[in-house]
Amino acid sequence: MCGRFAAALDYSGLAERYRARRAPGLPGPSWNIAPGATIAVVAQDRSGARHLNPASWNLVPSWSPDDHLDYPTHNARVETALARRTYADAARSRRAIIPASGYYEWTRDHKPYYFQSQDGAPLSIAGLYSWWRRDGHSPWLLTATILTTQAEGGAALVHDRMPLLITDTNADDWLDPDLDGSDVFPRAVELGSKASARLVQRQVAPLKGDGPHLTESITLRL
């Protein structure tokens, strides 16, 4: 699973990297982002234009009568997303990239670990998105979920799940709404697992408050 992540992002750089139009309302930096918060997502529309937009981190399917579901939707399993009604439509053609500085996972005895790229570059986490509104007169709400996959390597020593990472190699296919999810998921899992194996991880102190200090190794804080 992925229940917390950090995002202290250069949106101008991200917009250039993903060739995306930057929308207003993107969230400020945070090192303790929780489900329900506003996050940044990159998605591509049917015309081929890409957008860097704010979204609520809890996917609400368009058919839902309410924006508060009886179950959490901040994570979806890549193995079952295409088959589950909540995520199926998004998995087929509404895939997104959720940029992050890094993410946290917890061991069974509740010790948090922070995962990031070796050079500190932003991670491209696989996501799904959905547009939802209460009725025909209400404003549209953009919502999103993070896709998780089976943890491997060092990550598996911390938790049995990990966020699925998208690489520069498959980002174009991942964002293309004309490609069905059943065609792009297998390669995404293969490439994402290899990318995750190159991440660095370290144990951090329990997450309290917010700030860059949350990502420091506990050995630096003793």
Protein backbone atom coordinates (compact mmCIF):
# COMPACT_ATOMS: atom_id res chain seq x y z
CA MET A 1 0.00 0.00 0.00
CA CYS A 2 0.96 3.65 -0.09
CA GLY A 3 -0.63 5.68 2.67
CA ARG A 4 1.78 8.61 2.84
CA PHE A 5 4.16 10.27 0.44
CA ALA A 6 6.22 13.42 0.04
CA ALA A 7 6.01 15.96 -2.77
CA ALA A 8 8.22 19.04 -2.77
CA LEU A 9 8.06 19.60 -6.50
CA ASP A 10 9.23 22.06 -9.12
CA TYR A 11 6.00 22.31 -11.11
CA SER A 12 7.58 24.28 -13.94
CA GLY A 13 10.17 21.56 -14.38
CA LEU A 14 7.55 18.84 -14.18
CA ALA A 15 5.35 20.54 -16.76
CA GLU A 16 8.34 20.68 -19.10
CA ARG A 17 9.33 17.07 -18.39
CA TYR A 18 5.86 15.71 -19.10
CA ARG A 19 5.04 18.28 -21.82
CA ALA A 20 1.99 19.23 -19.80
CA ARG A 21 -0.05 22.36 -19.30
CA ARG A 22 0.17 23.55 -15.71
CA ALA A 23 -3.18 24.27 -14.08
CA PRO A 24 -3.75 26.65 -11.16
CA GLY A 25 -4.40 25.35 -7.66
CA LEU A 26 -1.52 22.88 -7.42
CA PRO A 27 -0.63 22.04 -3.81
CA GLY A 28 2.32 23.42 -1.92
CA PRO A 29 5.22 21.24 -0.75
CA SER A 30 4.48 18.59 1.86
CA TRP A 31 6.41 15.68 3.31
CA ASN A 32 3.38 14.05 4.94
CA ILE A 33 0.63 13.79 2.33
CA ALA A 34 -2.33 11.72 3.51
CA PRO A 35 -5.35 10.30 1.65
CA GLY A 36 -7.93 12.97 0.95
CA ALA A 37 -5.32 15.67 0.41
CA THR A 38 -4.91 17.60 -2.82
CA ILE A 39 -2.13 16.15 -4.95
CA ALA A 40 -0.66 16.83 -8.39
CA VAL A 41 -1.45 14.50 -11.28
CA VAL A 42 -0.37 14.35 -14.91
CA ALA A 43 -2.93 13.06 -17.41
CA GLN A 44 -3.51 13.15 -21.15
CA ASP A 45 -6.82 13.97 -22.82
CA ARG A 46 -8.28 12.50 -26.01
CA SER A 47 -6.79 15.29 -28.12
CA GLY A 48 -3.28 14.34 -26.98
CA ALA A 49 -2.79 17.35 -24.69
CA ARG A 50 -1.30 16.69 -21.27
CA HIS A 51 -2.31 18.47 -18.10
CA LEU A 52 -0.67 18.91 -14.69
CA ASN A 53 -3.69 19.34 -12.44
CA PRO A 54 -4.63 19.25 -8.75
CA ALA A 55 -6.72 16.26 -7.70
CA SER A 56 -8.18 14.77 -4.54
CA TRP A 57 -6.28 11.69 -3.40
CA ASN A 58 -9.23 9.28 -3.11
CA LEU A 59 -10.73 8.13 -6.38
CA VAL A 60 -14.47 8.62 -6.73
CA PRO A 61 -15.93 6.80 -9.77
CA SER A 62 -18.16 8.89 -11.98
CA TRP A 63 -21.18 6.68 -11.25
CA SER A 64 -20.99 7.14 -7.48
CA PRO A 65 -23.89 9.17 -5.98
CA ASP A 66 -21.60 10.49 -3.26
CA ASP A 67 -17.97 11.54 -2.95
CA HIS A 68 -17.52 9.65 0.33
CA LEU A 69 -17.37 5.92 -0.34
CA ASP A 70 -17.69 3.26 2.34
CA TYR A 71 -14.19 1.97 1.59
CA PRO A 72 -10.79 3.60 0.97
CA THR A 73 -9.85 4.33 -2.63
CA HIS A 74 -6.46 6.01 -2.27
CA ASN A 75 -4.80 2.77 -3.42
CA ALA A 76 -5.78 0.24 -6.09
CA ARG A 77 -4.08 -3.07 -6.84
CA VAL A 78 -2.71 -3.25 -10.36
CA GLU A 79 -3.59 -6.96 -10.43
CA THR A 80 -7.32 -6.33 -9.97
CA ALA A 81 -7.96 -2.72 -11.05
CA LEU A 82 -9.27 -3.72 -14.47
CA ALA A 83 -11.82 -6.05 -12.92
CA ARG A 84 -13.07 -3.98 -9.99
CA ARG A 85 -16.02 -1.75 -10.80
CA THR A 86 -14.63 1.18 -8.82
CA TYR A 87 -11.47 1.36 -10.92
CA ALA A 88 -12.25 -0.45 -14.18
CA ASP A 89 -13.15 2.56 -16.33
CA ALA A 90 -10.13 4.53 -15.15
CA ALA A 91 -7.81 1.54 -15.55
CA ARG A 92 -8.86 1.11 -19.16
CA SER A 93 -8.34 4.68 -20.35
CA ARG A 94 -7.85 7.22 -17.56
CA ARG A 95 -4.36 6.53 -16.32
CA ALA A 96 -2.19 9.20 -14.72
CA ILE A 97 1.25 9.86 -13.30
CA ILE A 98 1.46 11.12 -9.74
CA PRO A 99 4.81 12.86 -9.20
CA ALA A 100 6.38 12.47 -5.77
CA SER A 101 9.65 13.19 -4.03
CA GLY A 102 9.38 9.82 -2.29
CA TYR A 103 6.99 7.62 -0.35
CA TYR A 104 6.71 5.86 2.99
CA GLU A 105 5.98 2.26 3.91
CA TRP A 106 5.68 0.68 7.34
CA THR A 107 6.91 -2.64 8.66
CA ARG A 108 4.58 -4.93 10.60
CA ASP A 109 5.89 -3.47 13.83
CA HIS A 110 5.01 0.05 12.57
CA LYS A 111 8.50 1.32 11.74
CA PRO A 112 8.35 3.79 8.83
CA TYR A 113 10.79 3.70 5.91
CA TYR A 114 11.23 6.34 3.24
CA PHE A 115 11.88 5.41 -0.41
CA GLN A 116 13.31 7.79 -3.03
CA SER A 117 15.43 7.78 -6.18
CA GLN A 118 19.17 7.61 -5.79
CA ASP A 119 19.67 11.12 -7.17
CA GLY A 120 16.64 12.67 -5.48
CA ALA A 121 14.78 13.14 -8.78
CA PRO A 122 10.97 13.00 -8.61
CA LEU A 123 9.32 9.61 -8.87
CA SER A 124 6.58 8.96 -11.41
CA ILE A 125 4.00 6.89 -9.55
CA ALA A 126 1.31 5.12 -11.54
CA GLY A 127 -2.17 6.41 -10.87
CA LEU A 128 -5.73 6.36 -12.13
CA TYR A 129 -8.08 9.33 -12.25
CA SER A 130 -11.80 9.99 -12.41
CA TRP A 131 -13.98 13.05 -12.86
CA TRP A 132 -16.96 13.19 -10.48
CA ARG A 133 -19.72 15.63 -9.68
CA ARG A 134 -22.79 15.46 -7.49
CA ASP A 135 -25.27 16.59 -10.13
CA GLY A 136 -25.46 18.28 -13.49
CA HIS A 137 -25.00 21.72 -11.96
CA SER A 138 -22.14 21.07 -9.52
CA PRO A 139 -18.49 21.64 -10.48
CA TRP A 140 -16.45 18.65 -11.57
CA LEU A 141 -14.04 17.15 -9.01
CA LEU A 142 -10.85 15.46 -10.22
CA THR A 143 -9.97 12.46 -8.05
CA ALA A 144 -7.12 9.97 -8.21
CA THR A 145 -5.71 6.77 -6.76
CA ILE A 146 -2.21 5.29 -6.57
CA LEU A 147 -1.65 1.85 -8.11
CA THR A 148 0.29 -0.64 -6.04
CA THR A 149 2.05 -3.86 -6.99
CA GLN A 150 3.76 -6.77 -5.28
CA ALA A 151 6.87 -5.59 -3.45
CA GLU A 152 10.19 -7.07 -4.48
CA GLY A 153 13.78 -6.86 -3.34
CA GLY A 154 14.55 -4.59 -0.41
CA ALA A 155 11.05 -3.12 -0.46
CA ALA A 156 9.59 -6.55 0.36
CA LEU A 157 11.50 -6.54 3.64
CA VAL A 158 9.44 -3.53 4.71
CA HIS A 159 5.99 -4.23 3.25
CA ASP A 160 4.40 -6.70 0.83
CA ARG A 161 3.10 -3.92 -1.45
CA MET A 162 4.74 -0.91 -3.12
CA PRO A 163 3.62 1.87 -5.46
CA LEU A 164 3.97 1.02 -9.14
CA LEU A 165 6.53 3.28 -10.80
CA ILE A 166 6.30 4.55 -14.36
CA THR A 167 9.55 5.08 -16.28
CA ASP A 168 10.48 7.36 -19.15
CA THR A 169 10.40 4.25 -21.34
CA ASN A 170 6.68 3.58 -20.90
CA ALA A 171 5.30 6.97 -19.80
CA ASP A 172 3.86 7.77 -23.23
CA ASP A 173 1.97 4.48 -23.46
CA TRP A 174 0.82 4.77 -19.85
CA LEU A 175 -0.74 8.18 -20.39
CA ASP A 176 -2.26 7.39 -23.81
CA PRO A 177 -6.05 7.05 -23.32
CA ASP A 178 -6.39 5.26 -26.66
CA LEU A 179 -4.40 2.29 -25.34
CA ASP A 180 -6.37 -0.14 -23.18
CA GLY A 181 -5.10 -0.82 -19.70
CA SER A 182 -4.94 -4.54 -20.38
CA ASP A 183 -2.28 -3.82 -22.99
CA VAL A 184 -0.11 -1.47 -20.93
CA PHE A 185 -0.36 -2.94 -17.41
CA PRO A 186 1.97 -5.96 -17.92
CA ARG A 187 4.86 -3.89 -19.24
CA ALA A 188 4.30 -1.25 -16.58
CA VAL A 189 4.63 -3.88 -13.86
CA GLU A 190 7.80 -5.29 -15.42
CA LEU A 191 9.50 -1.92 -15.83
CA GLY A 192 8.17 -0.57 -12.53
CA SER A 193 9.62 -3.47 -10.55
CA LYS A 194 13.05 -2.86 -12.06
CA ALA A 195 12.81 0.86 -11.30
CA SER A 196 11.79 0.18 -7.69
CA ALA A 197 14.84 -2.04 -7.22
CA ARG A 198 17.03 1.01 -7.80
CA LEU A 199 15.42 3.13 -5.08
CA VAL A 200 17.19 3.88 -1.83
CA GLN A 201 15.39 3.38 1.47
CA ARG A 202 16.02 4.36 5.05
CA GLN A 203 14.24 4.11 8.34
CA VAL A 204 12.80 7.40 9.55
CA ALA A 205 11.19 8.62 12.74
CA PRO A 206 7.40 8.33 13.23
CA LEU A 207 5.62 10.85 11.01
CA LYS A 208 4.44 13.81 13.08
CA GLY A 209 3.68 17.20 11.61
CA ASP A 210 5.24 18.16 8.30
CA GLY A 211 8.58 19.26 6.92
CA PRO A 212 11.71 17.88 5.23
CA HIS A 213 12.98 16.55 8.55
CA LEU A 214 10.48 13.69 8.22
CA THR A 215 12.61 12.10 5.49
CA GLU A 216 15.85 12.14 7.49
CA SER A 217 17.28 8.85 8.63
CA ILE A 218 16.72 8.26 12.32
CA THR A 219 20.45 7.69 12.71
CA LEU A 220 20.88 11.41 11.95
CA ARG A 221 18.37 12.42 14.59
CA LEU A 222 19.78 10.57 17.63
